[in-house]
């Protein structure tokens, strides 16, 4: 199975299409609601007819990638189901990390092999990068034959496929959002606090990025337990109290600090490097006792 149609060639779809085109797959069609968008993605990929007809795109390929926003998947599936298409043996997958493959069930009942295939990676824009998915983990869910075919595609891209249960996808997706989206939000909070100290936003970024990059390197080498540093890791309840007092005039940030400090304390407990008395003192500060 080497011919691929991309339906909804936004950031993920276009990036996936380009990477597949560099691994021997033939991108037959790119279909979006906007012809301009389809043409832009076709130019980036260097292959494929730019279309606004999802049915025509699906007829042209053995693999159909549905990479539209999550809320648009049911509408696309209903549209495809209404088309006169021979679905027998075609692999159809959507790229949602949240929703299960059963959104594609009506196509499976017509003979298609269906799955959900979610690349656990951030795509701020369309990437013309053959190695964009190298080392990326892909969550696969769906029928066994569909998963087998999807796993081959993932390995061709240099990715790591793993199977997830449909009922676990919301928790999985929340974990990915916390690690990626909320990391950005957390960094924004830190920059905002530095602005309260008189620094500019750009200086705040420049100040924090070396710290963040070193911390990430530490996590890669030592995992989260080994990488934790700072006052909680060393049992310094007085510093934590100073932080809490300083953040009282920022109620939302105070609340965030408390929740994250409690999780950091759980890591410290796992490491068993601070005394039970220090743990109790920090808990008392965080719980305002």
C-alpha atoms as a PDB file:
ATOM      1  CA  UNK A   1       0.000   0.000   0.000  1.00  0.00           C
ATOM      2  CA  UNK A   2       1.894   3.023  -1.225  1.00  0.00           C
ATOM      3  CA  UNK A   3      -0.607   5.571  -2.589  1.00  0.00           C
ATOM      4  CA  UNK A   4      -1.814   8.120  -0.048  1.00  0.00           C
ATOM      5  CA  UNK A   5      -4.567  10.739  -0.065  1.00  0.00           C
ATOM      6  CA  UNK A   6      -4.454  13.466   2.560  1.00  0.00           C
ATOM      7  CA  UNK A   7      -7.816  14.905   3.600  1.00  0.00           C
ATOM      8  CA  UNK A   8      -7.355  18.099   5.560  1.00  0.00           C
ATOM      9  CA  UNK A   9      -3.748  18.969   4.790  1.00  0.00           C
ATOM     10  CA  UNK A  10      -3.054  21.419   7.581  1.00  0.00           C
ATOM     11  CA  UNK A  11       0.045  21.334   9.757  1.00  0.00           C
ATOM     12  CA  UNK A  12      -0.034  17.610  10.546  1.00  0.00           C
ATOM     13  CA  UNK A  13      -1.405  16.448   7.195  1.00  0.00           C
ATOM     14  CA  UNK A  14       1.048  18.435   5.073  1.00  0.00           C
ATOM     15  CA  UNK A  15       4.000  17.510   7.299  1.00  0.00           C
ATOM     16  CA  UNK A  16       3.004  13.837   7.182  1.00  0.00           C
ATOM     17  CA  UNK A  17       2.459  13.977   3.419  1.00  0.00           C
ATOM     18  CA  UNK A  18       5.904  15.448   2.794  1.00  0.00           C
ATOM     19  CA  UNK A  19       7.649  12.944   5.068  1.00  0.00           C
ATOM     20  CA  UNK A  20       5.825  10.020   3.417  1.00  0.00           C
ATOM     21  CA  UNK A  21       6.687  11.333  -0.046  1.00  0.00           C
ATOM     22  CA  UNK A  22      10.355  11.125   0.930  1.00  0.00           C
ATOM     23  CA  UNK A  23       9.969   7.496   2.051  1.00  0.00           C
ATOM     24  CA  UNK A  24       8.680   6.096  -1.236  1.00  0.00           C
ATOM     25  CA  UNK A  25       4.960   6.739  -0.794  1.00  0.00           C
ATOM     26  CA  UNK A  26       3.024   8.367  -3.638  1.00  0.00           C
ATOM     27  CA  UNK A  27       0.821  11.245  -2.518  1.00  0.00           C
ATOM     28  CA  UNK A  28      -2.025  11.067  -5.019  1.00  0.00           C
ATOM     29  CA  UNK A  29      -4.226  13.868  -3.699  1.00  0.00           C
ATOM     30  CA  UNK A  30      -4.498  16.613  -1.112  1.00  0.00           C
ATOM     31  CA  UNK A  31      -8.064  17.672  -0.355  1.00  0.00           C
ATOM     32  CA  UNK A  32      -9.100  20.647   1.774  1.00  0.00           C
ATOM     33  CA  UNK A  33     -12.077  22.997   1.949  1.00  0.00           C
ATOM     34  CA  UNK A  34      -9.909  25.756   0.490  1.00  0.00           C
ATOM     35  CA  UNK A  35      -8.265  25.154  -2.883  1.00  0.00           C
ATOM     36  CA  UNK A  36      -5.577  27.683  -1.963  1.00  0.00           C
ATOM     37  CA  UNK A  37      -4.702  25.638   1.109  1.00  0.00           C
ATOM     38  CA  UNK A  38      -4.678  22.407  -0.915  1.00  0.00           C
ATOM     39  CA  UNK A  39      -2.428  23.975  -3.535  1.00  0.00           C
ATOM     40  CA  UNK A  40      -0.074  25.301  -0.853  1.00  0.00           C
ATOM     41  CA  UNK A  41       0.249  21.829   0.691  1.00  0.00           C
ATOM     42  CA  UNK A  42       0.685  20.189  -2.728  1.00  0.00           C
ATOM     43  CA  UNK A  43       3.540  22.581  -3.492  1.00  0.00           C
ATOM     44  CA  UNK A  44       5.193  21.825  -0.145  1.00  0.00           C
ATOM     45  CA  UNK A  45       4.820  18.061  -0.628  1.00  0.00           C
ATOM     46  CA  UNK A  46       5.824  18.221  -4.277  1.00  0.00           C
ATOM     47  CA  UNK A  47       3.203  15.646  -5.251  1.00  0.00           C
ATOM     48  CA  UNK A  48      -0.546  15.179  -5.471  1.00  0.00           C
ATOM     49  CA  UNK A  49      -3.574  16.825  -7.046  1.00  0.00           C
ATOM     50  CA  UNK A  50      -4.927  19.780  -5.083  1.00  0.00           C
ATOM     51  CA  UNK A  51      -8.631  19.096  -4.568  1.00  0.00           C
ATOM     52  CA  UNK A  52     -11.676  20.261  -2.653  1.00  0.00           C
ATOM     53  CA  UNK A  53     -13.477  16.939  -3.258  1.00  0.00           C
ATOM     54  CA  UNK A  54     -12.805  14.430  -0.481  1.00  0.00           C
ATOM     55  CA  UNK A  55     -14.488  11.600  -2.381  1.00  0.00           C
ATOM     56  CA  UNK A  56     -12.292  12.105  -5.421  1.00  0.00           C
ATOM     57  CA  UNK A  57      -9.245  12.125  -3.174  1.00  0.00           C
ATOM     58  CA  UNK A  58     -10.289   8.893  -1.435  1.00  0.00           C
ATOM     59  CA  UNK A  59     -10.831   7.094  -4.748  1.00  0.00           C
ATOM     60  CA  UNK A  60      -7.260   7.853  -5.800  1.00  0.00           C
ATOM     61  CA  UNK A  61      -5.405   6.103  -2.986  1.00  0.00           C
ATOM     62  CA  UNK A  62      -4.992   2.939  -0.949  1.00  0.00           C
ATOM     63  CA  UNK A  63      -4.309   4.893   2.259  1.00  0.00           C
ATOM     64  CA  UNK A  64      -6.557   7.771   3.281  1.00  0.00           C
ATOM     65  CA  UNK A  65      -5.318  10.074   6.039  1.00  0.00           C
ATOM     66  CA  UNK A  66      -8.058  12.137   7.712  1.00  0.00           C
ATOM     67  CA  UNK A  67      -6.144  14.960   9.367  1.00  0.00           C
ATOM     68  CA  UNK A  68      -8.940  17.464   9.901  1.00  0.00           C
ATOM     69  CA  UNK A  69      -9.733  19.087  13.289  1.00  0.00           C
ATOM     70  CA  UNK A  70     -11.340  16.636  15.719  1.00  0.00           C
ATOM     71  CA  UNK A  71     -14.802  18.191  15.519  1.00  0.00           C
ATOM     72  CA  UNK A  72     -14.779  17.884  11.714  1.00  0.00           C
ATOM     73  CA  UNK A  73     -14.054  14.138  11.572  1.00  0.00           C
ATOM     74  CA  UNK A  74     -17.713  12.964  11.778  1.00  0.00           C
ATOM     75  CA  UNK A  75     -18.726  15.305   8.943  1.00  0.00           C
ATOM     76  CA  UNK A  76     -15.888  14.091   6.704  1.00  0.00           C
ATOM     77  CA  UNK A  77     -16.761  10.466   7.434  1.00  0.00           C
ATOM     78  CA  UNK A  78     -20.435  11.065   6.623  1.00  0.00           C
ATOM     79  CA  UNK A  79     -19.419  12.730   3.361  1.00  0.00           C
ATOM     80  CA  UNK A  80     -17.126   9.851   2.411  1.00  0.00           C
ATOM     81  CA  UNK A  81     -19.747   7.266   3.300  1.00  0.00           C
ATOM     82  CA  UNK A  82     -22.221   8.898   0.910  1.00  0.00           C
ATOM     83  CA  UNK A  83     -19.766   8.661  -2.006  1.00  0.00           C
ATOM     84  CA  UNK A  84     -19.602   5.786  -4.481  1.00  0.00           C
ATOM     85  CA  UNK A  85     -16.207   4.419  -3.483  1.00  0.00           C
ATOM     86  CA  UNK A  86     -14.848   0.882  -3.340  1.00  0.00           C
ATOM     87  CA  UNK A  87     -13.582   0.780   0.240  1.00  0.00           C
ATOM     88  CA  UNK A  88     -12.529  -2.865   0.251  1.00  0.00           C
ATOM     89  CA  UNK A  89      -9.017  -3.134   1.658  1.00  0.00           C
ATOM     90  CA  UNK A  90      -8.339   0.602   1.881  1.00  0.00           C
ATOM     91  CA  UNK A  91      -6.634   1.788   5.068  1.00  0.00           C
ATOM     92  CA  UNK A  92      -8.383   4.836   6.539  1.00  0.00           C
ATOM     93  CA  UNK A  93      -7.083   6.495   9.683  1.00  0.00           C
ATOM     94  CA  UNK A  94      -7.627   9.760  11.487  1.00  0.00           C
ATOM     95  CA  UNK A  95      -4.931  11.575  13.437  1.00  0.00           C
ATOM     96  CA  UNK A  96      -6.835  12.551  16.574  1.00  0.00           C
ATOM     97  CA  UNK A  97      -5.098  11.828  19.849  1.00  0.00           C
ATOM     98  CA  UNK A  98      -8.387  12.110  21.708  1.00  0.00           C
ATOM     99  CA  UNK A  99     -11.015  10.292  19.663  1.00  0.00           C
ATOM    100  CA  UNK A 100     -11.174   6.557  18.914  1.00  0.00           C
ATOM    101  CA  UNK A 101     -11.220   4.847  15.547  1.00  0.00           C
ATOM    102  CA  UNK A 102     -14.912   4.041  15.924  1.00  0.00           C
ATOM    103  CA  UNK A 103     -15.606   7.453  14.395  1.00  0.00           C
ATOM    104  CA  UNK A 104     -14.679   5.666  11.151  1.00  0.00           C
ATOM    105  CA  UNK A 105     -16.941   2.659  11.789  1.00  0.00           C
ATOM    106  CA  UNK A 106     -19.342   3.444   8.949  1.00  0.00           C
ATOM    107  CA  UNK A 107     -16.419   3.126   6.497  1.00  0.00           C
ATOM    108  CA  UNK A 108     -15.263  -0.094   8.156  1.00  0.00           C
ATOM    109  CA  UNK A 109     -18.710  -1.542   7.561  1.00  0.00           C
ATOM    110  CA  UNK A 110     -18.122  -0.900   3.848  1.00  0.00           C
ATOM    111  CA  UNK A 111     -14.856  -2.839   3.821  1.00  0.00           C
ATOM    112  CA  UNK A 112     -12.260  -0.277   4.876  1.00  0.00           C
ATOM    113  CA  UNK A 113      -9.572  -1.014   7.454  1.00  0.00           C
ATOM    114  CA  UNK A 114      -9.824   1.726  10.074  1.00  0.00           C
ATOM    115  CA  UNK A 115      -7.628   3.049  12.839  1.00  0.00           C
ATOM    116  CA  UNK A 116      -6.609   6.145  14.743  1.00  0.00           C
ATOM    117  CA  UNK A 117      -2.940   7.064  14.344  1.00  0.00           C
ATOM    118  CA  UNK A 118      -1.736   9.922  16.529  1.00  0.00           C
ATOM    119  CA  UNK A 119       1.816  11.282  16.241  1.00  0.00           C
ATOM    120  CA  UNK A 120       2.859  12.534  19.657  1.00  0.00           C
ATOM    121  CA  UNK A 121       4.580  15.667  18.391  1.00  0.00           C
ATOM    122  CA  UNK A 122       3.943  19.400  18.178  1.00  0.00           C
ATOM    123  CA  UNK A 123       3.464  21.010  14.755  1.00  0.00           C
ATOM    124  CA  UNK A 124       3.499  24.822  14.889  1.00  0.00           C
ATOM    125  CA  UNK A 125       3.443  24.970  11.066  1.00  0.00           C
ATOM    126  CA  UNK A 126       3.656  22.781   7.957  1.00  0.00           C
ATOM    127  CA  UNK A 127       7.084  21.130   7.928  1.00  0.00           C
ATOM    128  CA  UNK A 128       9.079  20.291   4.813  1.00  0.00           C
ATOM    129  CA  UNK A 129      11.229  17.872   6.778  1.00  0.00           C
ATOM    130  CA  UNK A 130      11.730  14.226   5.828  1.00  0.00           C
ATOM    131  CA  UNK A 131      12.832  13.480   9.384  1.00  0.00           C
ATOM    132  CA  UNK A 132      10.004  15.290  11.175  1.00  0.00           C
ATOM    133  CA  UNK A 133       8.614  12.017  12.556  1.00  0.00           C
ATOM    134  CA  UNK A 134      11.897  10.261  13.293  1.00  0.00           C
ATOM    135  CA  UNK A 135      11.866   9.050  16.875  1.00  0.00           C
ATOM    136  CA  UNK A 136       8.252  10.162  17.398  1.00  0.00           C
ATOM    137  CA  UNK A 137       5.857   7.831  19.209  1.00  0.00           C
ATOM    138  CA  UNK A 138       2.551   7.117  17.453  1.00  0.00           C
ATOM    139  CA  UNK A 139      -0.510   5.915  19.379  1.00  0.00           C
ATOM    140  CA  UNK A 140      -2.327   3.269  17.312  1.00  0.00           C
ATOM    141  CA  UNK A 141      -5.875   2.142  18.019  1.00  0.00           C
ATOM    142  CA  UNK A 142      -8.273   0.159  15.834  1.00  0.00           C
ATOM    143  CA  UNK A 143      -8.587  -3.201  14.136  1.00  0.00           C
ATOM    144  CA  UNK A 144      -5.609  -5.561  14.139  1.00  0.00           C
ATOM    145  CA  UNK A 145      -5.049  -5.505  10.355  1.00  0.00           C
ATOM    146  CA  UNK A 146      -5.352  -1.730  10.265  1.00  0.00           C
ATOM    147  CA  UNK A 147      -2.893  -1.380  13.161  1.00  0.00           C
ATOM    148  CA  UNK A 148      -0.410  -3.678  11.428  1.00  0.00           C
ATOM    149  CA  UNK A 149      -0.486  -1.612   8.241  1.00  0.00           C
ATOM    150  CA  UNK A 150      -0.321   1.648  10.188  1.00  0.00           C
ATOM    151  CA  UNK A 151       2.629   0.359  12.237  1.00  0.00           C
ATOM    152  CA  UNK A 152       4.559  -0.323   9.017  1.00  0.00           C
ATOM    153  CA  UNK A 153       3.874   3.235   7.836  1.00  0.00           C
ATOM    154  CA  UNK A 154       5.062   4.605  11.177  1.00  0.00           C
ATOM    155  CA  UNK A 155       8.259   2.553  11.056  1.00  0.00           C
ATOM    156  CA  UNK A 156       8.890   3.723   7.500  1.00  0.00           C
ATOM    157  CA  UNK A 157       8.848   7.269   8.902  1.00  0.00           C
ATOM    158  CA  UNK A 158      11.344   6.296  11.605  1.00  0.00           C
ATOM    159  CA  UNK A 159       8.681   6.491  14.315  1.00  0.00           C
ATOM    160  CA  UNK A 160       7.765   4.180  17.180  1.00  0.00           C
ATOM    161  CA  UNK A 161       4.242   2.685  17.055  1.00  0.00           C
ATOM    162  CA  UNK A 162       2.470   1.560  20.208  1.00  0.00           C
ATOM    163  CA  UNK A 163      -1.053   0.293  20.800  1.00  0.00           C
ATOM    164  CA  UNK A 164      -3.476   2.150  23.054  1.00  0.00           C
ATOM    165  CA  UNK A 165      -6.980   1.166  24.140  1.00  0.00           C
ATOM    166  CA  UNK A 166      -9.819   3.365  22.914  1.00  0.00           C
ATOM    167  CA  UNK A 167     -10.982   4.039  26.475  1.00  0.00           C
ATOM    168  CA  UNK A 168      -7.521   5.290  27.472  1.00  0.00           C
ATOM    169  CA  UNK A 169      -7.208   7.912  24.748  1.00  0.00           C
ATOM    170  CA  UNK A 170      -8.675  10.852  26.734  1.00  0.00           C
ATOM    171  CA  UNK A 171      -6.167  10.331  29.578  1.00  0.00           C
ATOM    172  CA  UNK A 172      -3.350   9.800  27.058  1.00  0.00           C
ATOM    173  CA  UNK A 173      -4.281  13.004  25.243  1.00  0.00           C
ATOM    174  CA  UNK A 174      -4.499  14.942  28.515  1.00  0.00           C
ATOM    175  CA  UNK A 175      -0.983  13.754  29.377  1.00  0.00           C
ATOM    176  CA  UNK A 176       0.333  14.950  26.016  1.00  0.00           C
ATOM    177  CA  UNK A 177      -1.401  18.307  26.434  1.00  0.00           C
ATOM    178  CA  UNK A 178       0.056  18.791  29.910  1.00  0.00           C
ATOM    179  CA  UNK A 179       3.569  17.986  28.705  1.00  0.00           C
ATOM    180  CA  UNK A 180       3.422  20.181  25.598  1.00  0.00           C
ATOM    181  CA  UNK A 181       0.669  22.813  25.677  1.00  0.00           C
ATOM    182  CA  UNK A 182       0.763  23.442  29.411  1.00  0.00           C
ATOM    183  CA  UNK A 183       4.547  23.582  29.372  1.00  0.00           C
ATOM    184  CA  UNK A 184       4.204  26.613  27.092  1.00  0.00           C
ATOM    185  CA  UNK A 185       1.581  28.084  29.416  1.00  0.00           C
ATOM    186  CA  UNK A 186       3.813  27.449  32.449  1.00  0.00           C
ATOM    187  CA  UNK A 187       6.756  29.171  30.798  1.00  0.00           C
ATOM    188  CA  UNK A 188       4.458  32.102  29.995  1.00  0.00           C
ATOM    189  CA  UNK A 189       3.594  32.350  33.708  1.00  0.00           C
ATOM    190  CA  UNK A 190       7.277  32.438  34.630  1.00  0.00           C
ATOM    191  CA  UNK A 191       7.962  35.163  32.057  1.00  0.00           C
ATOM    192  CA  UNK A 192       4.995  37.153  33.359  1.00  0.00           C
ATOM    193  CA  UNK A 193       6.409  37.012  36.880  1.00  0.00           C
ATOM    194  CA  UNK A 194       9.779  38.212  35.639  1.00  0.00           C
ATOM    195  CA  UNK A 195       8.028  41.137  33.971  1.00  0.00           C
ATOM    196  CA  UNK A 196       6.696  42.022  37.425  1.00  0.00           C
ATOM    197  CA  UNK A 197      10.348  42.338  38.430  1.00  0.00           C
ATOM    198  CA  UNK A 198      10.971  44.902  35.700  1.00  0.00           C
ATOM    199  CA  UNK A 199      12.359  42.640  32.979  1.00  0.00           C
ATOM    200  CA  UNK A 200      11.061  42.796  29.417  1.00  0.00           C
ATOM    201  CA  UNK A 201       9.303  39.808  27.904  1.00  0.00           C
ATOM    202  CA  UNK A 202      12.252  39.121  25.586  1.00  0.00           C
ATOM    203  CA  UNK A 203      14.738  39.298  28.444  1.00  0.00           C
ATOM    204  CA  UNK A 204      12.524  36.965  30.469  1.00  0.00           C
ATOM    205  CA  UNK A 205      12.604  34.424  27.668  1.00  0.00           C
ATOM    206  CA  UNK A 206      16.360  34.758  27.287  1.00  0.00           C
ATOM    207  CA  UNK A 207      16.863  34.370  31.029  1.00  0.00           C
ATOM    208  CA  UNK A 208      14.727  31.245  31.365  1.00  0.00           C
ATOM    209  CA  UNK A 209      15.535  29.292  28.204  1.00  0.00           C
ATOM    210  CA  UNK A 210      19.028  28.089  29.263  1.00  0.00           C
ATOM    211  CA  UNK A 211      17.519  26.919  32.556  1.00  0.00           C
ATOM    212  CA  UNK A 212      14.674  25.123  30.785  1.00  0.00           C
ATOM    213  CA  UNK A 213      17.003  23.527  28.234  1.00  0.00           C
ATOM    214  CA  UNK A 214      19.351  22.228  30.945  1.00  0.00           C
ATOM    215  CA  UNK A 215      16.391  20.915  32.926  1.00  0.00           C
ATOM    216  CA  UNK A 216      15.132  19.044  29.851  1.00  0.00           C
ATOM    217  CA  UNK A 217      18.572  17.542  29.323  1.00  0.00           C
ATOM    218  CA  UNK A 218      18.555  16.438  32.965  1.00  0.00           C
ATOM    219  CA  UNK A 219      15.140  14.796  32.503  1.00  0.00           C
ATOM    220  CA  UNK A 220      16.417  12.957  29.407  1.00  0.00           C
ATOM    221  CA  UNK A 221      19.393  11.619  31.365  1.00  0.00           C
ATOM    222  CA  UNK A 222      17.853  11.086  34.805  1.00  0.00           C
ATOM    223  CA  UNK A 223      14.059  10.893  34.321  1.00  0.00           C
ATOM    224  CA  UNK A 224      11.752  13.183  36.298  1.00  0.00           C
ATOM    225  CA  UNK A 225      12.683  11.741  39.692  1.00  0.00           C
ATOM    226  CA  UNK A 226      16.395  12.279  39.200  1.00  0.00           C
ATOM    227  CA  UNK A 227      16.060  15.684  37.532  1.00  0.00           C
ATOM    228  CA  UNK A 228      14.074  17.447  40.268  1.00  0.00           C
ATOM    229  CA  UNK A 229      16.074  20.201  41.942  1.00  0.00           C
ATOM    230  CA  UNK A 230      15.287  23.304  43.968  1.00  0.00           C
ATOM    231  CA  UNK A 231      13.887  23.944  47.449  1.00  0.00           C
ATOM    232  CA  UNK A 232      11.402  21.063  47.553  1.00  0.00           C
ATOM    233  CA  UNK A 233      14.017  18.544  46.411  1.00  0.00           C
ATOM    234  CA  UNK A 234      16.266  19.636  49.280  1.00  0.00           C
ATOM    235  CA  UNK A 235      13.492  19.962  51.878  1.00  0.00           C
ATOM    236  CA  UNK A 236      13.728  23.745  52.221  1.00  0.00           C
ATOM    237  CA  UNK A 237      10.305  24.686  53.579  1.00  0.00           C
ATOM    238  CA  UNK A 238      11.355  28.272  54.313  1.00  0.00           C
ATOM    239  CA  UNK A 239      12.028  29.014  50.639  1.00  0.00           C
ATOM    240  CA  UNK A 240       8.690  27.468  49.705  1.00  0.00           C
ATOM    241  CA  UNK A 241       7.005  29.692  52.298  1.00  0.00           C
ATOM    242  CA  UNK A 242       8.711  32.764  50.815  1.00  0.00           C
ATOM    243  CA  UNK A 243       7.485  31.790  47.344  1.00  0.00           C
ATOM    244  CA  UNK A 244       3.937  31.285  48.597  1.00  0.00           C
ATOM    245  CA  UNK A 245       3.935  34.638  50.388  1.00  0.00           C
ATOM    246  CA  UNK A 246       5.287  36.455  47.315  1.00  0.00           C
ATOM    247  CA  UNK A 247       2.635  34.933  45.065  1.00  0.00           C
ATOM    248  CA  UNK A 248      -0.340  35.848  47.253  1.00  0.00           C
ATOM    249  CA  UNK A 249      -0.903  38.983  45.159  1.00  0.00           C
ATOM    250  CA  UNK A 250      -1.187  36.732  42.075  1.00  0.00           C
ATOM    251  CA  UNK A 251      -4.035  34.372  43.087  1.00  0.00           C
ATOM    252  CA  UNK A 252      -4.030  32.260  39.923  1.00  0.00           C
ATOM    253  CA  UNK A 253      -0.263  31.818  39.967  1.00  0.00           C
ATOM    254  CA  UNK A 254      -0.419  31.062  43.703  1.00  0.00           C
ATOM    255  CA  UNK A 255      -2.912  28.291  43.005  1.00  0.00           C
ATOM    256  CA  UNK A 256      -0.755  26.887  40.202  1.00  0.00           C
ATOM    257  CA  UNK A 257       2.375  26.985  42.361  1.00  0.00           C
ATOM    258  CA  UNK A 258       0.608  25.097  45.136  1.00  0.00           C
ATOM    259  CA  UNK A 259      -0.626  22.322  42.828  1.00  0.00           C
ATOM    260  CA  UNK A 260       2.740  21.897  41.121  1.00  0.00           C
ATOM    261  CA  UNK A 261       4.632  22.050  44.424  1.00  0.00           C
ATOM    262  CA  UNK A 262       2.493  19.214  45.774  1.00  0.00           C
ATOM    263  CA  UNK A 263       3.415  17.119  42.725  1.00  0.00           C
ATOM    264  CA  UNK A 264       7.089  18.027  43.172  1.00  0.00           C
ATOM    265  CA  UNK A 265       6.776  16.873  46.775  1.00  0.00           C
ATOM    266  CA  UNK A 266       5.479  13.500  45.536  1.00  0.00           C
ATOM    267  CA  UNK A 267       8.648  13.206  43.440  1.00  0.00           C
ATOM    268  CA  UNK A 268      10.753  14.100  46.479  1.00  0.00           C
ATOM    269  CA  UNK A 269       8.976  11.409  48.495  1.00  0.00           C
ATOM    270  CA  UNK A 270       9.804   8.814  45.828  1.00  0.00           C
ATOM    271  CA  UNK A 271      13.463   9.794  45.999  1.00  0.00           C
ATOM    272  CA  UNK A 272      13.457   9.424  49.798  1.00  0.00           C
ATOM    273  CA  UNK A 273      16.273  11.968  50.134  1.00  0.00           C
ATOM    274  CA  UNK A 274      14.557  14.390  52.516  1.00  0.00           C
ATOM    275  CA  UNK A 275      13.409  13.641  56.029  1.00  0.00           C
ATOM    276  CA  UNK A 276       9.790  12.929  57.036  1.00  0.00           C
ATOM    277  CA  UNK A 277       9.926  16.095  59.166  1.00  0.00           C
ATOM    278  CA  UNK A 278      10.870  18.203  56.116  1.00  0.00           C
ATOM    279  CA  UNK A 279       8.030  16.645  54.142  1.00  0.00           C
ATOM    280  CA  UNK A 280       5.547  17.534  56.876  1.00  0.00           C
ATOM    281  CA  UNK A 281       6.846  21.104  57.083  1.00  0.00           C
ATOM    282  CA  UNK A 282       6.489  21.605  53.323  1.00  0.00           C
ATOM    283  CA  UNK A 283       3.028  20.040  53.341  1.00  0.00           C
ATOM    284  CA  UNK A 284       2.064  22.430  56.132  1.00  0.00           C
ATOM    285  CA  UNK A 285       3.222  25.436  54.108  1.00  0.00           C
ATOM    286  CA  UNK A 286       1.381  24.295  50.991  1.00  0.00           C
ATOM    287  CA  UNK A 287      -1.785  23.473  52.885  1.00  0.00           C
ATOM    288  CA  UNK A 288      -1.520  26.716  54.884  1.00  0.00           C
ATOM    289  CA  UNK A 289      -1.463  24.975  58.269  1.00  0.00           C
END
